Amino acid sequence: MPTLQDAVKSLYEKTVVEKAATSTLRLQTLAEYCIDQLAKRGLEGAKADQDLPGGARPKNWDVVWFHNGKHRLAISLKSLLKNLGGTVPNRVDDLIGEVTNLQMHSPEVVTGYLMLFDTSQDTVDTKHGSTWCDVLTRRLESLSGRGMPAWGTGMVEAARVVRVDFSKGPKIVTSEKEVQKFFDTLVAEVLARNPGVKKR
């Protein structure tokens, strides 16, 4: 099964080598990695590229796990590689809009955001006094931690910025241990809300 390094390498090849930054396949290996990580924690059978109902309209989610015919976990995957000053605020707005739409229809669903961020393109934002990657990380932290009994709309159960450096190849900066915590948190929330699912 694909590793995190495989996923980062695939993104690098699509966006840097092939210069196909808008390719719909650029995060396919990352989705496969997520599906494998969920299976290792007992949530087998997750699917990629699924349309889910929302309060306003159906929306596509990158990885979805179903139980008894209903979506119980949805993960959104993003890559932030260029124009970070404009992309970071937009991605935060996207998160709030996407999860709110989903939660309006299914408030009990567990949601996660996993973002690959190319630090070789990062700059310091004078307004915030830190890099855009740090700005994004702080904002995601403020929107994370959604859980019982206070299911805040517009928040996610877990989010993780995976720092990569594409200046000399597909290098991962963030430790995989930190990424593992992302999946641990999501699965723990799914199990807490779905007592019929046996913990592996």
N, C-alpha and C. Protein backbone atom coordinates (compact mmCIF):
# COMPACT_ATOMS: atom_id res chain seq x y z
N MET A 1 0.84 -1.20 0.00
CA MET A 1 0.00 0.00 0.00
C MET A 1 0.88 1.26 0.00
N PRO A 2 0.35 2.37 -0.51
CA PRO A 2 1.17 3.58 -0.63
C PRO A 2 1.55 4.16 0.73
N THR A 3 2.74 4.72 0.78
CA THR A 3 3.21 5.40 1.98
C THR A 3 2.99 6.91 1.80
N LEU A 4 3.24 7.65 2.86
CA LEU A 4 3.16 9.11 2.77
C LEU A 4 4.20 9.62 1.78
N GLN A 5 5.37 9.00 1.77
CA GLN A 5 6.41 9.39 0.81
C GLN A 5 5.94 9.15 -0.61
N ASP A 6 5.24 8.05 -0.86
CA ASP A 6 4.70 7.78 -2.18
C ASP A 6 3.73 8.88 -2.61
N ALA A 7 2.90 9.32 -1.67
CA ALA A 7 1.91 10.35 -1.97
C ALA A 7 2.58 11.68 -2.30
N VAL A 8 3.61 12.02 -1.53
CA VAL A 8 4.34 13.27 -1.78
C VAL A 8 5.09 13.20 -3.10
N LYS A 9 5.69 12.06 -3.38
CA LYS A 9 6.41 11.88 -4.65
C LYS A 9 5.46 12.00 -5.83
N SER A 10 4.27 11.43 -5.71
CA SER A 10 3.29 11.51 -6.79
C SER A 10 2.87 12.95 -7.05
N LEU A 11 2.65 13.70 -5.97
CA LEU A 11 2.29 15.12 -6.12
C LEU A 11 3.43 15.90 -6.77
N TYR A 12 4.65 15.60 -6.35
CA TYR A 12 5.82 16.27 -6.93
C TYR A 12 5.93 16.00 -8.43
N GLU A 13 5.76 14.75 -8.80
CA GLU A 13 5.89 14.39 -10.22
C GLU A 13 4.81 15.06 -11.07
N LYS A 14 3.59 15.11 -10.53
CA LYS A 14 2.49 15.72 -11.29
C LYS A 14 2.66 17.23 -11.42
N THR A 15 3.01 17.88 -10.31
CA THR A 15 3.01 19.34 -10.30
C THR A 15 4.33 19.98 -10.71
N VAL A 16 5.44 19.33 -10.37
CA VAL A 16 6.75 19.92 -10.66
C VAL A 16 7.35 19.35 -11.95
N VAL A 17 7.41 18.03 -12.03
CA VAL A 17 8.03 17.39 -13.20
C VAL A 17 7.14 17.52 -14.44
N GLU A 18 5.87 17.14 -14.29
CA GLU A 18 4.95 17.18 -15.43
C GLU A 18 4.27 18.54 -15.59
N LYS A 19 4.42 19.40 -14.57
CA LYS A 19 3.81 20.75 -14.57
C LYS A 19 2.30 20.69 -14.80
N ALA A 20 1.67 19.69 -14.19
CA ALA A 20 0.22 19.54 -14.29
C ALA A 20 -0.41 19.84 -12.93
N ALA A 21 -0.26 21.07 -12.48
CA ALA A 21 -0.68 21.46 -11.14
C ALA A 21 -2.18 21.30 -10.92
N THR A 22 -2.96 21.37 -11.99
CA THR A 22 -4.42 21.26 -11.85
C THR A 22 -4.94 19.85 -12.14
N SER A 23 -4.03 18.91 -12.31
CA SER A 23 -4.46 17.54 -12.60
C SER A 23 -5.34 16.99 -11.48
N THR A 24 -6.44 16.37 -11.86
CA THR A 24 -7.33 15.78 -10.86
C THR A 24 -6.71 14.55 -10.20
N LEU A 25 -5.61 14.06 -10.75
CA LEU A 25 -4.95 12.87 -10.21
C LEU A 25 -3.82 13.22 -9.24
N ARG A 26 -3.57 14.50 -9.02
CA ARG A 26 -2.38 14.89 -8.25
C ARG A 26 -2.42 14.41 -6.79
N LEU A 27 -3.61 14.19 -6.24
CA LEU A 27 -3.73 13.74 -4.85
C LEU A 27 -4.32 12.34 -4.74
N GLN A 28 -4.33 11.62 -5.85
CA GLN A 28 -4.91 10.27 -5.86
C GLN A 28 -4.15 9.32 -4.93
N THR A 29 -2.82 9.38 -4.97
CA THR A 29 -2.02 8.50 -4.12
C THR A 29 -2.19 8.87 -2.65
N LEU A 30 -2.36 10.16 -2.37
CA LEU A 30 -2.60 10.59 -0.99
C LEU A 30 -3.93 10.03 -0.49
N ALA A 31 -4.93 10.01 -1.35
CA ALA A 31 -6.22 9.42 -0.98
C ALA A 31 -6.06 7.93 -0.68
N GLU A 32 -5.28 7.23 -1.49
CA GLU A 32 -5.04 5.81 -1.26
C GLU A 32 -4.31 5.58 0.06
N TYR A 33 -3.38 6.47 0.36
CA TYR A 33 -2.66 6.40 1.64
C TYR A 33 -3.63 6.56 2.81
N CYS A 34 -4.55 7.51 2.70
CA CYS A 34 -5.54 7.73 3.75
C CYS A 34 -6.43 6.51 3.94
N ILE A 35 -6.87 5.93 2.84
CA ILE A 35 -7.73 4.75 2.90
C ILE A 35 -7.01 3.61 3.62
N ASP A 36 -5.72 3.45 3.33
CA ASP A 36 -4.93 2.40 3.98
C ASP A 36 -4.76 2.68 5.48
N GLN A 37 -4.53 3.94 5.83
CA GLN A 37 -4.36 4.29 7.24
C GLN A 37 -5.64 4.04 8.03
N LEU A 38 -6.77 4.33 7.43
CA LEU A 38 -8.05 4.07 8.11
C LEU A 38 -8.26 2.57 8.28
N ALA A 39 -7.94 1.79 7.25
CA ALA A 39 -8.10 0.34 7.31
C ALA A 39 -7.23 -0.26 8.41
N LYS A 40 -6.02 0.26 8.57
CA LYS A 40 -5.12 -0.25 9.60
C LYS A 40 -5.67 0.01 11.01
N ARG A 41 -6.57 0.98 11.10
CA ARG A 41 -7.17 1.31 12.39
C ARG A 41 -8.57 0.73 12.55
N GLY A 42 -8.95 -0.15 11.63
CA GLY A 42 -10.22 -0.83 11.74
C GLY A 42 -11.35 -0.29 10.90
N LEU A 43 -11.14 0.84 10.22
CA LEU A 43 -12.18 1.40 9.37
C LEU A 43 -11.89 1.00 7.92
N GLU A 44 -12.29 -0.20 7.59
CA GLU A 44 -11.99 -0.73 6.26
C GLU A 44 -13.07 -0.32 5.26
N GLY A 45 -12.68 -0.27 3.99
CA GLY A 45 -13.64 -0.02 2.93
C GLY A 45 -13.91 1.44 2.62
N ALA A 46 -13.06 2.36 3.09
CA ALA A 46 -13.24 3.76 2.73
C ALA A 46 -13.08 3.93 1.23
N LYS A 47 -13.74 4.94 0.68
CA LYS A 47 -13.73 5.16 -0.76
C LYS A 47 -13.24 6.57 -1.08
N ALA A 48 -12.62 6.69 -2.25
CA ALA A 48 -12.15 7.99 -2.71
C ALA A 48 -13.18 8.64 -3.62
N ASP A 49 -13.14 9.99 -3.63
CA ASP A 49 -13.92 10.74 -4.63
C ASP A 49 -15.42 10.46 -4.53
N GLN A 50 -16.02 10.88 -3.42
CA GLN A 50 -17.43 10.60 -3.18
C GLN A 50 -18.24 11.89 -3.03
N ASP A 51 -19.39 11.93 -3.67
CA ASP A 51 -20.31 13.06 -3.50
C ASP A 51 -21.18 12.82 -2.28
N LEU A 52 -21.21 13.80 -1.37
CA LEU A 52 -22.02 13.67 -0.16
C LEU A 52 -23.06 14.79 -0.11
N PRO A 53 -24.24 14.50 0.43
CA PRO A 53 -25.27 15.53 0.53
C PRO A 53 -24.89 16.61 1.53
N GLY A 54 -25.35 17.83 1.28
CA GLY A 54 -25.07 18.94 2.17
C GLY A 54 -26.31 19.77 2.40
N GLY A 55 -26.20 20.75 3.28
CA GLY A 55 -27.33 21.61 3.56
C GLY A 55 -27.71 22.46 2.37
N ALA A 56 -26.72 22.89 1.59
CA ALA A 56 -26.98 23.73 0.42
C ALA A 56 -26.94 22.93 -0.88
N ARG A 57 -25.94 22.04 -0.99
CA ARG A 57 -25.79 21.26 -2.22
C ARG A 57 -24.87 20.08 -1.96
N PRO A 58 -24.91 19.06 -2.83
CA PRO A 58 -23.95 17.96 -2.70
C PRO A 58 -22.53 18.46 -2.95
N LYS A 59 -21.57 17.84 -2.29
CA LYS A 59 -20.17 18.25 -2.43
C LYS A 59 -19.29 17.02 -2.46
N ASN A 60 -18.27 17.06 -3.31
CA ASN A 60 -17.33 15.95 -3.42
C ASN A 60 -16.32 15.99 -2.28
N TRP A 61 -16.10 14.82 -1.67
CA TRP A 61 -15.08 14.68 -0.63
C TRP A 61 -14.07 13.64 -1.11
N ASP A 62 -12.81 13.85 -0.74
CA ASP A 62 -11.72 13.03 -1.29
C ASP A 62 -11.70 11.61 -0.74
N VAL A 63 -11.99 11.46 0.55
CA VAL A 63 -12.01 10.14 1.18
C VAL A 63 -13.21 10.07 2.10
N VAL A 64 -14.00 9.02 1.95
CA VAL A 64 -15.21 8.87 2.77
C VAL A 64 -15.30 7.43 3.29
N TRP A 65 -15.65 7.30 4.56
CA TRP A 65 -15.90 5.98 5.14
C TRP A 65 -17.37 5.88 5.50
N PHE A 66 -17.99 4.77 5.09
CA PHE A 66 -19.41 4.54 5.31
C PHE A 66 -19.62 3.42 6.33
N HIS A 67 -20.72 3.52 7.07
CA HIS A 67 -21.12 2.45 8.00
C HIS A 67 -22.63 2.35 7.97
N ASN A 68 -23.12 1.14 7.73
CA ASN A 68 -24.56 0.91 7.63
C ASN A 68 -25.21 1.83 6.58
N GLY A 69 -24.50 2.02 5.48
CA GLY A 69 -25.04 2.78 4.38
C GLY A 69 -24.99 4.28 4.53
N LYS A 70 -24.37 4.79 5.58
CA LYS A 70 -24.29 6.24 5.79
C LYS A 70 -22.85 6.69 5.97
N HIS A 71 -22.56 7.87 5.43
CA HIS A 71 -21.20 8.40 5.59
C HIS A 71 -20.98 8.80 7.05
N ARG A 72 -19.87 8.32 7.61
CA ARG A 72 -19.55 8.59 9.01
C ARG A 72 -18.25 9.39 9.16
N LEU A 73 -17.45 9.40 8.09
CA LEU A 73 -16.17 10.11 8.13
C LEU A 73 -15.87 10.65 6.74
N ALA A 74 -15.47 11.91 6.67
CA ALA A 74 -15.10 12.53 5.39
C ALA A 74 -13.80 13.30 5.57
N ILE A 75 -12.89 13.08 4.63
CA ILE A 75 -11.58 13.76 4.67
C ILE A 75 -11.41 14.56 3.38
N SER A 76 -10.98 15.81 3.54
CA SER A 76 -10.67 16.66 2.39
C SER A 76 -9.15 16.78 2.28
N LEU A 77 -8.64 16.64 1.06
CA LEU A 77 -7.20 16.73 0.79
C LEU A 77 -6.91 17.96 -0.04
N LYS A 78 -5.87 18.70 0.33
CA LYS A 78 -5.50 19.91 -0.39
C LYS A 78 -3.99 19.96 -0.58
N SER A 79 -3.57 20.67 -1.63
CA SER A 79 -2.14 20.95 -1.82
C SER A 79 -1.99 22.45 -2.00
N LEU A 80 -1.05 23.02 -1.26
CA LEU A 80 -0.75 24.45 -1.34
C LEU A 80 0.69 24.58 -1.79
N LEU A 81 0.86 24.98 -3.04
CA LEU A 81 2.18 24.93 -3.65
C LEU A 81 2.69 26.28 -4.16
N LYS A 82 1.81 27.18 -4.54
CA LYS A 82 2.22 28.48 -5.07
C LYS A 82 1.23 29.56 -4.64
N ASN A 83 1.62 30.83 -4.83
CA ASN A 83 0.74 31.96 -4.50
C ASN A 83 0.14 31.80 -3.11
N LEU A 84 1.00 31.52 -2.14
CA LEU A 84 0.53 31.14 -0.82
C LEU A 84 -0.19 32.26 -0.09
N GLY A 85 0.20 33.50 -0.35
CA GLY A 85 -0.47 34.63 0.29
C GLY A 85 -1.93 34.72 -0.07
N GLY A 86 -2.28 34.30 -1.27
CA GLY A 86 -3.67 34.29 -1.68
C GLY A 86 -4.35 32.97 -1.39
N THR A 87 -3.58 31.89 -1.45
CA THR A 87 -4.15 30.56 -1.30
C THR A 87 -4.53 30.23 0.14
N VAL A 88 -3.70 30.63 1.11
CA VAL A 88 -3.97 30.28 2.50
C VAL A 88 -5.32 30.81 2.98
N PRO A 89 -5.62 32.11 2.81
CA PRO A 89 -6.95 32.59 3.25
C PRO A 89 -8.09 31.88 2.52
N ASN A 90 -7.91 31.61 1.24
CA ASN A 90 -8.96 30.93 0.48
C ASN A 90 -9.21 29.52 0.98
N ARG A 91 -8.13 28.81 1.32
CA ARG A 91 -8.27 27.44 1.80
C ARG A 91 -8.98 27.40 3.16
N VAL A 92 -8.72 28.38 4.00
CA VAL A 92 -9.39 28.43 5.29
C VAL A 92 -10.88 28.69 5.08
N ASP A 93 -11.20 29.61 4.19
CA ASP A 93 -12.61 29.88 3.87
C ASP A 93 -13.28 28.64 3.27
N ASP A 94 -12.54 27.92 2.40
CA ASP A 94 -13.07 26.70 1.81
C ASP A 94 -13.42 25.68 2.89
N LEU A 95 -12.52 25.52 3.84
CA LEU A 95 -12.74 24.56 4.92
C LEU A 95 -14.04 24.87 5.65
N ILE A 96 -14.19 26.11 6.08
CA ILE A 96 -15.37 26.49 6.85
C ILE A 96 -16.64 26.25 6.03
N GLY A 97 -16.61 26.62 4.75
CA GLY A 97 -17.78 26.44 3.90
C GLY A 97 -18.10 24.98 3.64
N GLU A 98 -17.09 24.19 3.35
CA GLU A 98 -17.30 22.78 3.02
C GLU A 98 -17.83 21.99 4.20
N VAL A 99 -17.21 22.19 5.36
CA VAL A 99 -17.64 21.39 6.51
C VAL A 99 -19.00 21.87 7.03
N THR A 100 -19.26 23.17 6.96
CA THR A 100 -20.57 23.67 7.38
C THR A 100 -21.67 23.09 6.52
N ASN A 101 -21.45 23.06 5.21
CA ASN A 101 -22.42 22.50 4.29
C ASN A 101 -22.71 21.03 4.63
N LEU A 102 -21.65 20.26 4.90
CA LEU A 102 -21.81 18.85 5.23
C LEU A 102 -22.49 18.67 6.58
N GLN A 103 -22.08 19.46 7.56
CA GLN A 103 -22.60 19.32 8.92
C GLN A 103 -24.06 19.77 9.04
N MET A 104 -24.50 20.67 8.17
CA MET A 104 -25.90 21.06 8.16
C MET A 104 -26.80 19.87 7.84
N HIS A 105 -26.30 18.97 7.01
CA HIS A 105 -27.06 17.77 6.65
C HIS A 105 -26.80 16.64 7.63
N SER A 106 -25.56 16.50 8.07
CA SER A 106 -25.17 15.38 8.94
C SER A 106 -24.28 15.90 10.07
N PRO A 107 -24.86 16.47 11.13
CA PRO A 107 -24.05 17.07 12.19
C PRO A 107 -23.15 16.09 12.92
N GLU A 108 -23.47 14.79 12.83
CA GLU A 108 -22.69 13.80 13.57
C GLU A 108 -21.46 13.31 12.80
N VAL A 109 -21.32 13.69 11.54
CA VAL A 109 -20.23 13.18 10.72
C VAL A 109 -18.88 13.70 11.22
N VAL A 110 -17.87 12.86 11.15
CA VAL A 110 -16.50 13.24 11.53
C VAL A 110 -15.79 13.76 10.29
N THR A 111 -15.10 14.90 10.42
CA THR A 111 -14.43 15.51 9.27
C THR A 111 -12.96 15.78 9.57
N GLY A 112 -12.13 15.65 8.52
CA GLY A 112 -10.71 15.93 8.66
C GLY A 112 -10.18 16.65 7.44
N TYR A 113 -9.15 17.45 7.64
CA TYR A 113 -8.49 18.18 6.55
C TYR A 113 -7.00 17.85 6.59
N LEU A 114 -6.48 17.39 5.46
CA LEU A 114 -5.05 17.07 5.35
C LEU A 114 -4.49 17.88 4.19
N MET A 115 -3.51 18.74 4.48
CA MET A 115 -2.98 19.67 3.49
C MET A 115 -1.48 19.50 3.31
N LEU A 116 -1.03 19.38 2.07
CA LEU A 116 0.40 19.34 1.77
C LEU A 116 0.84 20.74 1.38
N PHE A 117 1.86 21.25 2.06
CA PHE A 117 2.29 22.64 1.92
C PHE A 117 3.77 22.68 1.53
N ASP A 118 4.07 23.27 0.37
CA ASP A 118 5.46 23.37 -0.10
C ASP A 118 6.14 24.56 0.56
N THR A 119 6.98 24.28 1.56
CA THR A 119 7.64 25.35 2.31
C THR A 119 8.71 26.07 1.48
N SER A 120 9.15 25.47 0.39
CA SER A 120 10.16 26.14 -0.45
C SER A 120 9.59 27.37 -1.14
N GLN A 121 8.27 27.49 -1.20
CA GLN A 121 7.60 28.63 -1.80
C GLN A 121 7.07 29.61 -0.75
N ASP A 122 7.33 29.32 0.51
CA ASP A 122 6.76 30.11 1.60
C ASP A 122 7.49 31.45 1.76
N THR A 123 6.76 32.43 2.26
CA THR A 123 7.32 33.75 2.55
C THR A 123 6.76 34.23 3.88
N VAL A 124 7.39 35.27 4.42
CA VAL A 124 6.90 35.86 5.67
C VAL A 124 5.85 36.91 5.33
N ASP A 125 4.72 36.82 6.00
CA ASP A 125 3.67 37.82 5.84
C ASP A 125 3.84 38.87 6.93
N THR A 126 4.13 40.09 6.51
CA THR A 126 4.43 41.15 7.49
C THR A 126 3.23 41.47 8.38
N LYS A 127 2.03 41.32 7.85
CA LYS A 127 0.83 41.60 8.63
C LYS A 127 0.72 40.68 9.83
N HIS A 128 1.05 39.41 9.64
CA HIS A 128 0.94 38.44 10.73
C HIS A 128 2.27 38.18 11.43
N GLY A 129 3.37 38.65 10.85
CA GLY A 129 4.67 38.49 11.48
C GLY A 129 5.17 37.06 11.50
N SER A 130 4.71 36.25 10.55
CA SER A 130 5.17 34.86 10.48
C SER A 130 4.97 34.35 9.06
N THR A 131 5.46 33.15 8.79
CA THR A 131 5.30 32.58 7.46
C THR A 131 3.84 32.20 7.22
N TRP A 132 3.50 32.05 5.95
CA TRP A 132 2.14 31.65 5.61
C TRP A 132 1.83 30.25 6.12
N CYS A 133 2.83 29.40 6.17
CA CYS A 133 2.61 28.04 6.69
C CYS A 133 2.23 28.09 8.16
N ASP A 134 2.91 28.96 8.91
CA ASP A 134 2.58 29.11 10.33
C ASP A 134 1.19 29.72 10.52
N VAL A 135 0.85 30.67 9.65
CA VAL A 135 -0.49 31.28 9.70
C VAL A 135 -1.55 30.20 9.48
N LEU A 136 -1.35 29.38 8.46
CA LEU A 136 -2.30 28.31 8.15
C LEU A 136 -2.40 27.33 9.31
N THR A 137 -1.27 26.94 9.86
CA THR A 137 -1.26 25.98 10.96
C THR A 137 -2.04 26.50 12.16
N ARG A 138 -1.83 27.77 12.51
CA ARG A 138 -2.55 28.36 13.64
C ARG A 138 -4.05 28.40 13.38
N ARG A 139 -4.42 28.77 12.18
CA ARG A 139 -5.85 28.87 11.87
C ARG A 139 -6.52 27.51 11.87
N LEU A 140 -5.81 26.50 11.38
CA LEU A 140 -6.38 25.15 11.41
C LEU A 140 -6.52 24.65 12.84
N GLU A 141 -5.56 24.99 13.68
CA GLU A 141 -5.64 24.58 15.09
C GLU A 141 -6.87 25.19 15.76
N SER A 142 -7.18 26.45 15.41
CA SER A 142 -8.34 27.11 16.01
C SER A 142 -9.66 26.53 15.51
N LEU A 143 -9.61 25.87 14.35
CA LEU A 143 -10.82 25.28 13.78
C LEU A 143 -10.91 23.78 14.03
N SER A 144 -9.95 23.22 14.75
CA SER A 144 -9.90 21.78 15.01
C SER A 144 -10.37 21.46 16.42
N GLY A 145 -10.60 20.18 16.65
CA GLY A 145 -10.98 19.73 17.99
C GLY A 145 -12.48 19.58 18.18
N ARG A 146 -13.23 19.62 17.11
CA ARG A 146 -14.68 19.44 17.20
C ARG A 146 -14.97 18.05 17.77
N GLY A 147 -15.88 18.00 18.73
CA GLY A 147 -16.20 16.71 19.32
C GLY A 147 -17.44 16.78 20.18
N MET A 148 -17.85 15.63 20.69
CA MET A 148 -19.04 15.57 21.54
C MET A 148 -18.76 16.26 22.88
N PRO A 149 -19.76 16.87 23.50
CA PRO A 149 -21.13 17.02 23.01
C PRO A 149 -21.34 18.32 22.21
N ALA A 150 -20.33 19.17 22.17
CA ALA A 150 -20.46 20.46 21.48
C ALA A 150 -19.94 20.35 20.06
N TRP A 151 -20.80 20.00 19.14
CA TRP A 151 -20.41 19.83 17.75
C TRP A 151 -20.49 21.18 17.04
N GLY A 152 -19.42 21.97 17.15
CA GLY A 152 -19.41 23.30 16.56
C GLY A 152 -19.47 23.24 15.04
N THR A 153 -20.42 23.94 14.46
CA THR A 153 -20.53 23.98 13.00
C THR A 153 -19.38 24.79 12.41
N GLY A 154 -18.81 24.26 11.33
CA GLY A 154 -17.70 24.95 10.67
C GLY A 154 -16.34 24.55 11.19
N MET A 155 -16.31 23.61 12.14
CA MET A 155 -15.05 23.10 12.68
C MET A 155 -14.82 21.67 12.23
N VAL A 156 -13.60 21.19 12.35
CA VAL A 156 -13.27 19.81 12.01
C VAL A 156 -12.74 19.10 13.25
N GLU A 157 -12.83 17.78 13.21
CA GLU A 157 -12.30 16.99 14.33
C GLU A 157 -10.78 17.02 14.34
N ALA A 158 -10.17 17.00 13.16
CA ALA A 158 -8.70 17.03 13.08
C ALA A 158 -8.26 17.65 11.76
N ALA A 159 -7.14 18.34 11.80
CA ALA A 159 -6.53 18.91 10.60
C ALA A 159 -5.02 18.82 10.74
N ARG A 160 -4.34 18.66 9.64
CA ARG A 160 -2.89 18.54 9.68
C ARG A 160 -2.27 19.17 8.45
N VAL A 161 -1.30 20.04 8.67
CA VAL A 161 -0.48 20.58 7.58
C VAL A 161 0.77 19.72 7.48
N VAL A 162 0.95 19.10 6.34
CA VAL A 162 2.15 18.30 6.09
C VAL A 162 3.12 19.17 5.29
N ARG A 163 4.21 19.55 5.92
CA ARG A 163 5.19 20.42 5.27
C ARG A 163 6.11 19.59 4.37
N VAL A 164 6.20 20.01 3.12
CA VAL A 164 7.10 19.37 2.17
C VAL A 164 8.02 20.43 1.59
N ASP A 165 9.11 19.99 1.00
CA ASP A 165 10.06 20.90 0.36
C ASP A 165 10.36 20.37 -1.02
N PHE A 166 9.81 21.05 -2.03
CA PHE A 166 9.97 20.60 -3.41
C PHE A 166 11.12 21.29 -4.12
N SER A 167 11.99 21.99 -3.40
CA SER A 167 13.08 22.73 -4.05
C SER A 167 14.11 21.80 -4.68
N LYS A 168 14.30 20.60 -4.10
CA LYS A 168 15.28 19.66 -4.63
C LYS A 168 14.72 18.26 -4.79
N GLY A 169 13.40 18.14 -4.76
CA GLY A 169 12.78 16.83 -4.88
C GLY A 169 11.63 16.70 -3.91
N PRO A 170 11.01 15.52 -3.84
CA PRO A 170 9.84 15.31 -2.99
C PRO A 170 10.21 15.01 -1.53
N LYS A 171 10.65 16.03 -0.82
CA LYS A 171 11.10 15.86 0.56
C LYS A 171 9.99 16.19 1.54
N ILE A 172 9.80 15.31 2.54
CA ILE A 172 8.82 15.55 3.60
C ILE A 172 9.53 16.18 4.79
N VAL A 173 8.99 17.29 5.29
CA VAL A 173 9.56 17.97 6.44
C VAL A 173 8.86 17.55 7.73
N THR A 174 7.56 17.42 7.69
CA THR A 174 6.77 17.00 8.85
C THR A 174 7.02 15.52 9.14
N SER A 175 7.14 15.17 10.41
CA SER A 175 7.34 13.77 10.76
C SER A 175 6.05 12.98 10.52
N GLU A 176 6.19 11.74 10.08
CA GLU A 176 5.01 10.92 9.83
C GLU A 176 4.27 10.62 11.13
N LYS A 177 4.96 10.71 12.25
CA LYS A 177 4.32 10.49 13.55
C LYS A 177 3.22 11.51 13.78
N GLU A 178 3.47 12.75 13.35
CA GLU A 178 2.45 13.80 13.49
C GLU A 178 1.25 13.51 12.60
N VAL A 179 1.50 12.98 11.43
CA VAL A 179 0.42 12.64 10.51
C VAL A 179 -0.39 11.46 11.06
N GLN A 180 0.27 10.52 11.72
CA GLN A 180 -0.42 9.38 12.31
C GLN A 180 -1.42 9.85 13.37
N LYS A 181 -1.08 10.89 14.11
CA LYS A 181 -1.98 11.42 15.14
C LYS A 181 -3.28 11.92 14.52
N PHE A 182 -3.17 12.46 13.31
CA PHE A 182 -4.35 12.94 12.58
C PHE A 182 -5.35 11.80 12.39
N PHE A 183 -4.87 10.67 11.92
CA PHE A 183 -5.75 9.51 11.70
C PHE A 183 -6.24 8.92 13.03
N ASP A 184 -5.37 8.91 14.03
CA ASP A 184 -5.78 8.40 15.34
C ASP A 184 -6.96 9.19 15.90
N THR A 185 -6.89 10.50 15.77
CA THR A 185 -7.95 11.37 16.28
C THR A 185 -9.26 11.13 15.53
N LEU A 186 -9.19 11.06 14.21
CA LEU A 186 -10.40 10.84 13.42
C LEU A 186 -11.06 9.51 13.76
N VAL A 187 -10.27 8.46 13.82
CA VAL A 187 -10.82 7.13 14.09
C VAL A 187 -11.41 7.07 15.50
N ALA A 188 -10.75 7.70 16.46
CA ALA A 188 -11.26 7.71 17.84
C ALA A 188 -12.63 8.38 17.88
N GLU A 189 -12.81 9.46 17.13
CA GLU A 189 -14.10 10.15 17.10
C GLU A 189 -15.17 9.29 16.42
N VAL A 190 -14.79 8.62 15.34
CA VAL A 190 -15.75 7.74 14.66
C VAL A 190 -16.21 6.63 15.59
N LEU A 191 -15.30 6.01 16.31
CA LEU A 191 -15.63 4.91 17.21
C LEU A 191 -16.51 5.40 18.36
N ALA A 192 -16.24 6.60 18.85
CA ALA A 192 -17.03 7.14 19.96
C ALA A 192 -18.47 7.40 19.55
N ARG A 193 -18.68 7.75 18.28
CA ARG A 193 -20.03 8.10 17.81
C ARG A 193 -20.77 6.92 17.20
N ASN A 194 -20.05 5.83 16.98
CA ASN A 194 -20.65 4.65 16.35
C ASN A 194 -20.29 3.42 17.18
N PRO A 195 -21.00 3.20 18.30
CA PRO A 195 -20.66 2.10 19.20
C PRO A 195 -20.68 0.73 18.55
N GLY A 196 -21.40 0.57 17.46
CA GLY A 196 -21.48 -0.73 16.80
C GLY A 196 -20.22 -1.11 16.05
N VAL A 197 -19.33 -0.15 15.88
CA VAL A 197 -18.07 -0.42 15.15
C VAL A 197 -17.05 -0.94 16.15
N LYS A 198 -16.50 -2.10 15.87
CA LYS A 198 -15.53 -2.69 16.79
C LYS A 198 -14.16 -2.10 16.57
N LYS A 199 -13.51 -1.71 17.67
CA LYS A 199 -12.16 -1.20 17.60
C LYS A 199 -11.18 -2.32 17.34
N ARG A 200 -10.26 -2.07 16.38
CA ARG A 200 -9.29 -3.12 16.04
C ARG A 200 -8.11 -3.01 16.99
